[in-house]
Protein backbone atom coordinates (compact mmCIF):
# COMPACT_ATOMS: atom_id res chain seq x y z
CA MET A 1 157.54 88.63 100.04
CA LYS A 2 156.80 89.98 103.52
CA ASN A 3 157.92 93.56 104.14
CA GLU A 4 158.38 94.76 107.73
CA ASN A 5 157.19 98.25 106.73
CA ILE A 6 153.79 97.11 105.43
CA ALA A 7 150.71 96.60 107.60
CA GLY A 8 147.53 95.01 106.28
CA PHE A 9 144.00 95.87 107.42
CA ILE A 10 141.23 93.35 106.80
CA GLY A 11 137.83 95.03 106.82
CA LEU A 12 137.17 98.55 105.54
CA THR A 13 133.98 99.40 107.41
CA HIS A 14 134.08 102.34 109.85
CA LEU A 15 136.62 100.82 112.26
CA GLY A 16 138.84 99.72 109.39
CA ALA A 17 138.56 103.05 107.57
CA VAL A 18 139.62 105.04 110.64
CA SER A 19 142.36 102.58 111.61
CA ILE A 20 144.03 102.22 108.21
CA VAL A 21 144.03 105.95 107.43
CA SER A 22 145.36 106.78 110.90
CA TRP A 23 148.07 104.10 110.67
CA ALA A 24 149.14 105.33 107.23
CA SER A 25 149.41 108.89 108.55
CA LYS A 26 151.68 107.80 111.39
CA PHE A 27 153.75 104.96 109.93
CA ASP A 28 154.62 103.50 106.53
CA GLN A 29 152.79 101.61 103.81
CA VAL A 30 149.39 100.00 104.42
CA ILE A 31 147.18 97.71 102.35
CA GLY A 32 143.43 97.60 102.92
CA PHE A 33 141.57 94.36 102.16
CA ASP A 34 137.87 93.73 101.77
CA THR A 35 135.55 91.57 99.68
CA ASN A 36 133.22 94.54 99.33
CA GLU A 37 134.20 95.96 95.93
CA LYS A 38 132.24 99.16 96.51
CA LEU A 39 134.28 100.04 99.60
CA VAL A 40 137.56 99.12 97.90
CA ASN A 41 136.72 101.19 94.82
CA LEU A 42 135.73 104.22 96.88
CA PHE A 43 139.00 104.14 98.81
CA SER A 44 141.00 103.49 95.65
CA SER A 45 139.47 106.56 94.04
CA GLY A 46 140.43 108.63 97.07
CA LYS A 47 136.94 108.99 98.52
CA ALA A 48 136.18 108.31 102.17
CA PRO A 49 133.08 106.07 102.35
CA PHE A 50 131.99 107.35 105.77
CA PRO A 51 131.26 110.89 107.01
CA GLU A 52 133.81 110.79 109.86
CA PRO A 53 135.31 114.24 110.63
CA GLU A 54 138.84 114.66 109.15
CA LEU A 55 138.78 111.22 107.51
CA GLN A 56 138.72 112.62 103.97
CA GLU A 57 141.46 115.16 104.75
CA LEU A 58 143.75 112.52 106.25
CA LEU A 59 143.04 110.19 103.33
CA ASP A 60 143.99 112.94 100.87
CA ARG A 61 147.28 113.62 102.66
CA ASN A 62 148.36 109.99 102.81
CA LYS A 63 147.16 108.47 99.52
CA LYS A 64 150.72 107.61 98.49
CA ASN A 65 151.05 105.28 101.49
CA MET A 66 147.83 103.39 100.87
CA THR A 67 146.68 100.56 98.62
CA PHE A 68 143.21 98.98 98.60
CA THR A 69 142.33 95.64 97.08
CA THR A 70 140.02 92.63 97.00
CA ASP A 71 143.05 90.44 96.23
CA PHE A 72 143.87 88.76 99.55
CA SER A 73 147.01 87.15 98.12
CA LYS A 74 148.73 90.48 98.78
CA LEU A 75 148.62 89.62 102.49
CA SER A 76 151.89 87.80 101.83
CA GLU A 77 153.56 91.24 101.69
CA CYS A 78 152.47 92.26 105.20
CA TYR A 79 154.53 92.13 108.41
CA SER A 80 151.45 92.65 110.59
CA VAL A 81 147.75 92.24 109.82
CA PHE A 82 144.94 94.04 111.63
CA ILE A 83 141.44 92.55 111.57
CA SER A 84 139.40 95.73 111.58
CA HIS A 85 135.92 94.69 110.42
CA ASP A 86 132.96 96.08 112.38
CA ILE A 87 130.81 93.32 113.82
CA VAL A 88 127.28 93.98 112.59
CA THR A 89 124.27 93.85 114.90
CA ASP A 90 120.70 92.80 114.21
CA GLU A 91 117.51 94.68 115.11
CA LYS A 92 117.92 93.56 118.74
CA ASN A 93 121.59 94.65 118.85
CA ARG A 94 122.88 91.07 118.90
CA SER A 95 126.22 90.49 117.17
CA ASN A 96 126.37 88.63 113.86
CA TYR A 97 129.78 87.19 112.95
CA ASP A 98 128.97 85.80 109.50
CA THR A 99 130.75 88.53 107.51
CA PHE A 100 133.61 88.60 110.01
CA TYR A 101 134.39 84.90 109.55
CA ALA A 102 133.87 85.15 105.80
CA LEU A 103 136.71 87.70 105.70
CA ILE A 104 138.87 85.52 107.97
CA ASP A 105 138.30 82.51 105.70
CA GLU A 106 139.31 84.60 102.69
CA ALA A 107 142.50 85.69 104.43
CA ILE A 108 143.76 82.49 106.09
CA PRO A 109 145.26 80.82 102.98
CA HIS A 110 147.36 83.93 102.32
CA PHE A 111 148.82 84.69 105.75
CA PRO A 112 152.64 84.63 105.54
CA GLN A 113 154.72 82.70 108.05
CA LYS A 114 155.57 84.44 111.35
CA ILE A 115 152.73 86.90 110.91
CA ILE A 116 151.35 88.86 113.88
CA ILE A 117 147.56 89.17 113.69
CA VAL A 118 146.02 92.08 115.60
CA LEU A 119 142.31 91.63 116.23
CA MET A 120 140.55 94.99 116.59
CA SER A 121 136.92 94.03 115.89
CA GLN A 122 134.40 94.45 118.70
CA VAL A 123 134.08 90.84 119.80
CA SER A 124 132.51 88.97 122.71
CA VAL A 125 134.54 87.46 125.52
CA GLY A 126 136.33 84.30 124.39
CA THR A 127 136.50 85.19 120.69
CA SER A 128 140.25 85.88 120.51
CA ARG A 129 141.20 82.46 121.87
CA LYS A 130 138.60 80.76 119.66
CA LEU A 131 139.85 82.66 116.63
CA LYS A 132 143.42 81.60 117.27
CA GLU A 133 142.33 77.95 117.43
CA TYR A 134 140.17 78.45 114.33
CA ILE A 135 143.16 79.70 112.33
CA LYS A 136 145.30 76.81 113.61
CA GLU A 137 142.71 74.32 112.43
CA LYS A 138 142.54 75.91 108.99
CA ARG A 139 146.32 76.34 108.64
CA PRO A 140 148.18 73.82 110.84
CA ASP A 141 151.42 74.81 109.11
CA LEU A 142 151.11 78.51 109.92
CA ASN A 143 153.57 80.05 112.37
CA PHE A 144 151.66 83.06 113.75
CA ASN A 145 150.66 84.95 116.86
CA LEU A 146 147.47 86.81 117.68
CA VAL A 147 146.81 89.75 119.99
CA TYR A 148 143.60 91.60 120.78
CA PHE A 149 143.65 95.41 120.49
CA VAL A 150 140.83 97.04 122.51
CA ASP A 151 139.18 99.70 120.38
CA THR A 152 137.59 102.70 122.15
CA LEU A 153 136.70 104.79 119.12
CA ILE A 154 133.75 107.19 119.16
CA ILE A 155 131.94 108.08 115.95
CA GLY A 156 132.56 111.75 115.32
CA ARG A 157 135.85 111.72 117.23
CA ALA A 158 137.31 108.47 115.95
CA LEU A 159 140.53 109.74 114.35
CA ASP A 160 141.51 111.83 117.35
CA ARG A 161 140.81 108.89 119.68
CA PHE A 162 142.92 106.58 117.52
CA LEU A 163 145.88 108.95 117.15
CA ASN A 164 145.77 110.34 120.70
CA PRO A 165 144.66 107.46 122.94
CA GLU A 166 144.51 107.72 126.76
CA ARG A 167 145.93 104.20 126.89
CA ILE A 168 146.44 101.19 124.65
CA MET A 169 145.00 97.90 125.88
CA ILE A 170 146.34 94.66 124.44
CA GLY A 171 145.20 91.11 125.11
CA THR A 172 147.64 88.22 124.68
CA GLU A 173 147.26 84.49 125.18
CA THR A 174 149.17 84.43 128.46
CA GLY A 175 148.69 88.03 129.60
CA THR A 176 152.39 88.87 129.23
CA ASP A 177 154.28 91.07 126.76
CA GLU A 178 156.76 88.35 125.76
CA ILE A 179 155.11 88.04 122.37
CA PHE A 180 156.32 91.53 121.41
CA ASP A 181 159.94 90.43 121.72
CA LYS A 182 159.31 88.62 118.42
CA TYR A 183 157.67 91.65 116.82
CA LEU A 184 159.83 94.59 117.81
CA ILE A 185 158.59 96.87 115.05
CA LEU A 186 154.97 96.55 116.21
CA LYS A 187 156.13 97.09 119.80
CA ARG A 188 157.88 100.33 118.80
CA GLN A 189 154.82 101.44 116.84
CA LEU A 190 152.50 100.94 119.80
CA ASN A 191 154.91 102.69 122.15
CA SER A 192 155.16 105.65 119.76
CA PHE A 193 151.63 106.71 120.71
CA ASN A 194 153.08 107.95 124.03
CA ALA A 195 150.29 106.31 125.99
CA PRO A 196 150.43 103.59 128.66
CA VAL A 197 150.34 100.13 127.07
CA LEU A 198 148.40 97.72 129.28
CA ILE A 199 148.93 94.00 128.64
CA MET A 200 146.39 91.46 129.87
CA ARG A 201 144.93 88.08 128.94
CA TYR A 202 142.62 87.81 125.94
CA GLU A 203 139.53 87.46 128.10
CA SER A 204 140.40 90.41 130.32
CA ALA A 205 140.96 92.66 127.30
CA GLU A 206 137.67 91.59 125.74
CA MET A 207 135.90 92.12 129.05
CA THR A 208 137.50 95.56 129.40
CA LYS A 209 135.82 96.77 126.24
CA ILE A 210 132.43 95.62 127.51
CA CYS A 211 133.04 97.05 130.99
CA ILE A 212 133.83 100.49 129.57
CA ASN A 213 130.54 100.56 127.68
CA PHE A 214 128.66 99.19 130.69
CA TYR A 215 129.98 102.06 132.82
CA LEU A 216 129.09 104.65 130.17
CA PHE A 217 125.60 103.18 129.81
CA ASN A 218 125.08 103.54 133.58
CA SER A 219 126.31 107.15 133.41
CA VAL A 220 123.67 108.02 130.81
CA ILE A 221 120.89 106.45 132.90
CA TYR A 222 122.17 108.30 135.98
CA ALA A 223 122.20 111.63 134.12
CA ASN A 224 118.64 111.13 132.91
CA ILE A 225 117.33 110.23 136.38
CA VAL A 226 118.93 113.41 137.76
CA ALA A 227 117.50 115.37 134.82
CA ASP A 228 113.96 114.22 135.65
CA LEU A 229 114.45 115.30 139.27
CA CYS A 230 115.71 118.69 138.11
CA GLU A 231 112.62 119.23 135.98
CA ALA A 232 110.33 118.19 138.84
CA TYR A 233 111.99 120.43 141.47
CA HIS A 234 112.91 123.46 139.29
CA ALA A 235 116.64 122.77 139.41
CA ASP A 236 118.88 123.17 136.35
CA MET A 237 120.99 120.24 135.19
CA ASN A 238 123.33 122.62 133.36
CA GLU A 239 124.23 124.27 136.65
CA ILE A 240 124.81 120.93 138.38
CA ILE A 241 127.03 119.25 135.78
CA PRO A 242 130.11 121.53 136.25
CA ALA A 243 130.07 120.81 139.99
CA LEU A 244 129.86 117.07 139.41
CA ARG A 245 132.70 117.07 136.90
CA LEU A 246 135.01 118.93 139.28
CA ASP A 247 134.68 116.02 141.71
CA LYS A 248 137.77 113.89 141.02
CA ARG A 249 135.76 110.75 141.70
CA ILE A 250 133.57 111.60 138.72
CA GLY A 251 135.79 113.63 136.37
CA GLN A 252 135.59 116.24 133.64
CA TYR A 253 135.04 113.75 130.80
CA SER A 254 132.18 111.84 132.41
CA TYR A 255 129.03 111.00 130.45
CA ILE A 256 126.89 113.20 132.68
CA ARG A 257 124.60 114.81 130.18
CA PRO A 258 120.81 114.52 130.04
CA SER A 259 119.46 113.04 126.83
CA LEU A 260 116.82 110.76 125.38
CA GLY A 261 118.88 107.73 126.35
CA VAL A 262 121.60 105.58 124.84
CA THR A 263 121.24 105.18 121.08
CA GLY A 264 123.42 103.29 118.64
CA GLY A 265 124.60 99.71 118.52
CA HIS A 266 127.83 99.51 120.53
CA LEU A 267 126.70 100.44 124.03
CA GLU A 268 123.38 98.65 123.71
CA ARG A 269 125.05 95.59 122.19
CA ASP A 270 127.49 95.31 125.08
CA ILE A 271 124.74 95.69 127.67
CA ARG A 272 122.88 92.82 126.03
CA THR A 273 126.13 90.86 125.97
CA ILE A 274 126.49 91.32 129.74
CA GLU A 275 122.91 90.15 130.25
CA LYS A 276 123.62 87.06 128.15
CA MET A 277 126.83 86.36 130.09
CA GLN A 278 124.99 86.68 133.39
CA ARG A 279 122.33 84.21 132.27
CA GLU A 280 124.92 81.72 131.07
CA ALA A 281 126.81 82.03 134.38
CA GLY A 282 123.64 81.53 136.40
CA LEU A 283 123.70 85.10 137.76
CA LYS A 284 120.76 87.45 138.26
CA THR A 285 119.97 89.72 135.33
CA ASP A 286 117.36 91.98 136.97
CA PHE A 287 119.65 95.04 137.27
CA ILE A 288 120.64 94.93 133.60
CA GLU A 289 117.06 94.30 132.52
CA ARG A 290 115.86 97.30 134.51
CA LEU A 291 118.55 99.53 132.99
CA MET A 292 117.50 98.51 129.48
CA ASP A 293 113.82 99.09 130.29
CA ILE A 294 114.57 102.60 131.58
CA ASN A 295 116.66 103.38 128.52
CA GLU A 296 114.13 102.04 126.01
CA GLU A 297 111.35 104.19 127.45
CA ARG A 298 113.41 107.37 127.75
CA TYR A 299 112.51 108.71 124.29
CA ARG A 300 108.90 109.15 125.46
CA TRP A 301 110.02 112.40 127.15
CA VAL A 302 109.28 114.04 123.80
CA GLU A 303 105.79 112.62 123.54
CA GLU A 304 104.96 113.79 127.07
CA LYS A 305 106.11 117.36 126.34
CA VAL A 306 104.28 117.48 123.00
CA LYS A 307 101.04 116.36 124.66
CA LYS A 308 101.40 118.92 127.42
CA HIS A 309 102.48 121.97 125.43
CA LEU A 310 101.30 121.49 121.84
CA TYR A 311 98.05 119.53 121.69
CA PRO A 312 96.00 121.97 123.81
CA LYS A 313 96.89 124.86 121.48
CA VAL A 314 97.21 123.43 117.95
CA LYS A 315 94.76 120.96 116.42
CA ASN A 316 96.70 119.93 113.28
CA PRO A 317 100.30 120.79 114.08
CA LYS A 318 103.43 120.69 111.98
CA ILE A 319 106.47 119.38 113.82
CA CYS A 320 110.00 120.00 112.57
CA ILE A 321 112.82 117.69 113.64
CA TRP A 322 116.48 118.70 113.54
CA GLY A 323 118.68 115.60 113.58
CA LEU A 324 117.45 112.24 112.29
CA ALA A 325 120.54 110.02 112.64
CA TYR A 326 121.17 108.21 115.90
CA LYS A 327 123.91 110.73 116.77
CA LYS A 328 125.79 113.60 115.18
CA ASP A 329 128.43 113.14 112.48
CA THR A 330 126.83 110.00 111.07
CA GLU A 331 124.18 109.23 108.48
CA SER A 332 123.10 106.00 110.18
CA LEU A 333 119.45 105.72 111.14
CA LYS A 334 119.89 102.33 112.79
CA ASN A 335 118.76 102.59 116.43
CA SER A 336 117.79 106.23 115.90
CA ILE A 337 115.00 107.52 118.14
CA ALA A 338 113.62 109.80 115.43
CA PRO A 339 111.50 107.05 113.76
CA LYS A 340 110.18 105.97 117.17
CA ILE A 341 109.08 109.49 118.03
CA ILE A 342 107.48 110.05 114.62
CA ASN A 343 105.62 106.72 114.69
CA ASP A 344 104.29 107.22 118.23
CA LEU A 345 102.88 110.72 117.68
CA PRO A 346 99.32 111.11 116.29
CA ASP A 347 98.61 110.71 112.58
CA ASN A 348 97.28 114.25 112.16
CA ILE A 349 100.77 115.73 112.59
CA ILE A 350 102.72 116.94 109.57
CA PHE A 351 106.47 116.27 109.80
CA SER A 352 109.39 118.13 108.29
CA ALA A 353 113.04 117.45 109.06
CA TYR A 354 116.63 118.40 108.48
CA ASP A 355 119.82 116.45 109.11
CA PRO A 356 123.26 117.45 107.77
CA LEU A 357 124.01 113.93 106.55
CA VAL A 358 120.74 112.00 106.21
CA LYS A 359 119.43 112.37 102.66
CA THR A 360 116.60 109.82 102.66
CA PHE A 361 114.14 108.78 105.35
CA GLU A 362 111.76 105.86 104.95
CA GLY A 363 109.13 105.19 107.55
CA THR A 364 105.45 104.49 108.08
CA LYS A 365 104.74 108.24 107.98
CA LYS A 366 105.71 110.86 105.45
CA VAL A 367 108.51 113.21 106.49
CA GLU A 368 109.46 116.10 104.23
CA LEU A 369 113.25 116.45 104.18
CA HIS A 370 114.84 119.85 103.60
CA LYS A 371 118.33 120.92 102.56
CA ASP A 372 118.29 123.87 104.96
CA ARG A 373 117.31 123.67 108.63
CA TYR A 374 115.59 127.07 108.60
CA ASP A 375 113.51 126.07 105.57
CA ALA A 376 112.46 122.94 107.43
CA VAL A 377 111.13 124.94 110.39
CA LYS A 378 108.90 127.27 108.32
CA GLY A 379 105.31 127.05 109.48
CA ALA A 380 106.16 124.61 112.27
CA SER A 381 104.18 124.51 115.50
CA CYS A 382 107.04 122.79 117.32
CA LEU A 383 110.77 122.32 116.76
CA ILE A 384 112.39 119.19 118.22
CA VAL A 385 116.19 119.18 118.36
CA LEU A 386 117.41 115.55 118.62
CA THR A 387 121.15 115.75 117.87
CA ASP A 388 123.93 118.32 118.23
CA PRO A 389 126.13 118.56 115.11
CA ASP A 390 128.42 121.58 115.02
CA GLU A 391 126.18 123.23 112.45
CA PHE A 392 123.35 123.41 115.01
CA LYS A 393 125.33 125.18 117.72
CA GLU A 394 124.65 128.66 116.35
CA LEU A 395 121.00 129.65 116.31
CA ASP A 396 119.36 132.57 114.51
CA VAL A 397 116.60 133.09 117.04
CA LYS A 398 115.01 135.93 115.07
CA LYS A 399 114.78 133.76 111.96
CA ILE A 400 113.24 130.91 113.96
CA LYS A 401 110.68 133.23 115.56
CA GLU A 402 109.61 134.63 112.18
CA SER A 403 109.37 131.15 110.66
CA MET A 404 107.41 129.25 113.31
CA ASP A 405 103.63 129.44 113.73
CA ASN A 406 103.89 128.47 117.40
CA PRO A 407 107.06 129.21 119.43
CA LEU A 408 107.61 125.79 121.05
CA ILE A 409 111.11 124.28 121.09
CA LEU A 410 111.93 120.91 122.64
CA ASP A 411 115.71 120.74 123.05
CA CYS A 412 116.63 117.10 123.71
CA VAL A 413 120.40 117.73 123.77
CA ASN A 414 120.50 120.98 125.80
CA LEU A 415 122.03 122.81 122.87
CA TYR A 416 120.44 126.22 123.39
CA SER A 417 120.33 126.54 127.16
CA ASP A 418 122.63 129.58 126.98
CA TYR A 419 120.12 131.46 124.82
CA LYS A 420 118.00 132.42 127.83
CA LYS A 421 117.47 136.06 126.94
CA GLU A 422 116.94 135.37 123.25
CA MET A 423 114.35 132.71 124.09
CA LYS A 424 112.15 134.98 126.19
CA ASP A 425 109.37 134.87 123.59
CA PHE A 426 109.57 131.09 123.20
CA ASN A 427 108.28 128.17 125.17
CA TYR A 428 111.75 126.64 125.34
CA ILE A 429 111.94 123.25 127.07
CA ALA A 430 115.25 121.41 127.51
CA VAL A 431 116.00 118.07 129.17
CA GLY A 432 116.98 118.54 132.80
CA ARG A 433 115.74 122.13 133.19
CA MET A 434 112.60 123.65 134.64
CA GLU A 435 110.07 124.41 131.92
CA ASN A 436 110.22 127.91 130.47
CA THR A 437 106.56 128.43 129.68
CA ASN A 438 106.71 131.92 128.26
CA LYS A 439 104.03 131.26 125.70
């Protein structure tokens, strides 16, 4: 029998894991559903399946409120059901909905009458309306409503973003909040986040998610163009960024930070989605195509610096890489630039690496993984810092100096720009700064 205090979450991948644990910590009982027995068993044993900061701690504190199962018949107990499965992407960052619809098909026979379905998955424009019709076709007898909840989670900060949102964006069929008059408990729950709740039509909500990522993608490209100019004209990006962020038209939280480009599936996927939408609407795609070209070539900054500063001095160098995953606080190598850099550099280079979470690395070239970052850098002719986990923020410069055979550091995330005095004996090169050719 349906219980107004129980919420169900279908899909226990990263989005589902963060959402269900956060919801359990804030409200009452939750039930997590998935056909993936491994995920269900991990959660049931009290183990977080993903290395998201604070996820394990929050899971430990709220175990009594949580149940995980592969038995979808238990959906009949739920007052509201959240579809929280991450949409997977292929090697070209195109969305694949096969697993998503497989979960929906598993759930449809067990939805109770008068259920409110909250779609959270990262879907393309038009999916919410199509999904509502899809469920109607499968269950003509079902009395239900569906809303789209725009997710803006960031890996590494996902729980904080869920529990402390800037705003909550909801898509409904008509673009009005009338639907929540039928589901007052869910309305109170959403309002309890103390954030503005913006109601819009399905398509506007879906487009909002894509527009956010489009804007962020542009910000990264902008930052990297400015960074190149800084390097060319002996300016320092680190000195410029604070001034930019104090401009209210730009803001303190802007994505103005030089890097090796956008990595990871979500931003790239949405940019490709916009390109596809433009083509289908008969609009020009040249701007989007140029942005993607600039981004895809950005990682070659490393190769250029290695050629300039390492090859003339060392014939058979050893290069150490800190950070193999596509970003900090994840073990995912999908869309990571590390394999690209390793594959593009000459075959005579020996590679060692350290990443706090990545335990295996398979590629066309051998990379010796270490359990300690300072062990990894021993005997290295060059250290390349690709990501910025908290562990990397403190640097024992003396230890690095004693360990390396050649004092060249390529800092791709501007992590050690404040170590100017300590780096006086190094050739320290960071994105967006004039080259410090001390050696």
